[in-house]
Amino acid sequence: MFTLLQAAPAAQQGGGLSMWIMLALIFVVMWFFMIRPQRKQQKELQAFRDGLKKGDKVVTIGGIYGTVCEIKENNVLIEVDNNVKIRVSKQALVKDFTEPVQ
């Protein structure tokens, strides 16, 4: 009877340790499948915005297609039609549709 009482607390401690290991494993999996790809996408988008040049074809967050005419530090002038230009924030640009040179 005395040995059964001593074994019970050891089993509870092992269960607590496995719980912490499972929580750590869940965090690692979540980081690998959710946080890491999102950071990669943010870096690519920032590189795109930093690498803008005159003549690039872009799309804004609102779905406006245009061609870059002028670039300033925080905003870009986009020509959306013949002689129709709008100024948008660089943060509003999401895609580049410039055809690759072959």
Protein backbone atom coordinates (compact mmCIF):
# COMPACT_ATOMS: atom_id res chain seq x y z
CA MET A 1 0.00 0.00 0.00
CA PHE A 2 2.85 2.36 0.79
CA THR A 3 4.42 1.91 -2.68
CA LEU A 4 1.18 2.78 -4.50
CA LEU A 5 1.02 6.16 -2.79
CA GLN A 6 4.58 6.99 -3.80
CA ALA A 7 4.06 6.02 -7.46
CA ALA A 8 0.99 8.22 -8.01
CA PRO A 9 2.75 11.62 -7.79
CA ALA A 10 5.40 10.48 -10.29
CA ALA A 11 2.70 9.64 -12.85
CA GLN A 12 1.13 13.09 -12.45
CA GLN A 13 4.47 14.82 -13.00
CA GLY A 14 5.09 12.87 -16.20
CA GLY A 15 1.65 13.85 -17.47
CA GLY A 16 2.42 17.52 -16.86
CA LEU A 17 5.69 17.26 -18.73
CA SER A 18 4.04 15.65 -21.74
CA MET A 19 1.45 18.45 -21.75
CA TRP A 20 4.22 21.07 -22.02
CA ILE A 21 5.94 19.10 -24.76
CA MET A 22 2.66 18.93 -26.71
CA LEU A 23 2.10 22.69 -26.30
CA ALA A 24 5.62 23.39 -27.54
CA LEU A 25 5.10 21.04 -30.48
CA ILE A 26 1.83 22.77 -31.39
CA PHE A 27 3.57 26.17 -31.29
CA VAL A 28 6.40 24.94 -33.55
CA VAL A 29 3.94 23.50 -36.08
CA MET A 30 1.86 26.68 -36.02
CA TRP A 31 4.97 28.81 -36.58
CA PHE A 32 6.15 26.57 -39.43
CA PHE A 33 2.84 26.55 -41.31
CA MET A 34 1.38 29.98 -40.51
CA ILE A 35 3.82 32.60 -39.26
CA ARG A 36 6.85 31.74 -41.40
CA PRO A 37 5.04 31.87 -44.79
CA GLN A 38 3.33 35.13 -43.84
CA ARG A 39 6.66 36.77 -43.00
CA LYS A 40 8.10 35.54 -46.30
CA GLN A 41 5.16 37.03 -48.20
CA GLN A 42 5.54 40.36 -46.38
CA LYS A 43 9.25 40.50 -47.26
CA GLU A 44 8.50 39.80 -50.93
CA LEU A 45 5.83 42.51 -51.00
CA GLN A 46 8.20 45.02 -49.39
CA ALA A 47 10.94 44.13 -51.90
CA PHE A 48 8.42 44.69 -54.72
CA ARG A 49 7.46 48.11 -53.36
CA ASP A 50 11.09 49.13 -52.85
CA GLY A 51 12.00 48.00 -56.38
CA LEU A 52 9.31 49.93 -58.23
CA LYS A 53 10.42 51.80 -61.31
CA LYS A 54 8.82 54.02 -63.91
CA GLY A 55 6.81 52.02 -66.44
CA ASP A 56 5.91 49.12 -64.14
CA LYS A 57 2.32 47.92 -64.44
CA VAL A 58 0.73 47.60 -61.00
CA VAL A 59 -2.55 46.90 -59.23
CA THR A 60 -3.72 48.66 -56.08
CA ILE A 61 -5.49 47.07 -53.13
CA GLY A 62 -8.73 48.53 -54.50
CA GLY A 63 -8.27 46.78 -57.84
CA ILE A 64 -7.14 49.78 -59.90
CA TYR A 65 -4.74 48.83 -62.70
CA GLY A 66 -2.19 51.35 -63.88
CA THR A 67 1.32 52.18 -65.00
CA VAL A 68 3.82 53.86 -62.69
CA CYS A 69 4.69 57.39 -63.86
CA GLU A 70 6.46 58.89 -60.86
CA ILE A 71 7.82 57.48 -57.61
CA LYS A 72 8.34 59.41 -54.40
CA GLU A 73 9.33 58.22 -50.95
CA ASN A 74 5.86 57.24 -49.69
CA ASN A 75 3.59 57.56 -52.73
CA VAL A 76 3.41 56.75 -56.42
CA LEU A 77 1.75 58.51 -59.36
CA ILE A 78 -0.10 55.97 -61.51
CA GLU A 79 -1.54 56.53 -64.99
CA VAL A 80 -4.81 54.60 -65.15
CA ASP A 81 -5.92 55.81 -68.61
CA ASN A 82 -4.73 58.28 -71.22
CA ASN A 83 -3.80 61.42 -69.26
CA VAL A 84 -5.67 60.20 -66.16
CA LYS A 85 -3.29 59.94 -63.24
CA ILE A 86 -3.84 59.23 -59.57
CA ARG A 87 -1.49 59.39 -56.62
CA VAL A 88 -1.58 56.42 -54.22
CA SER A 89 0.43 55.28 -51.24
CA LYS A 90 3.13 52.70 -51.90
CA GLN A 91 1.41 50.53 -49.29
CA ALA A 92 -1.64 50.33 -51.60
CA LEU A 93 0.30 48.57 -54.37
CA VAL A 94 0.09 44.78 -54.33
CA LYS A 95 1.10 43.32 -57.73
CA ASP A 96 3.37 43.84 -60.69
CA PHE A 97 2.10 42.87 -64.13
CA THR A 98 5.15 43.96 -66.10
CA GLU A 99 5.85 41.28 -68.69
CA PRO A 100 9.28 39.65 -68.29
CA VAL A 101 11.85 40.46 -70.97
CA GLN A 102 12.83 37.40 -73.03
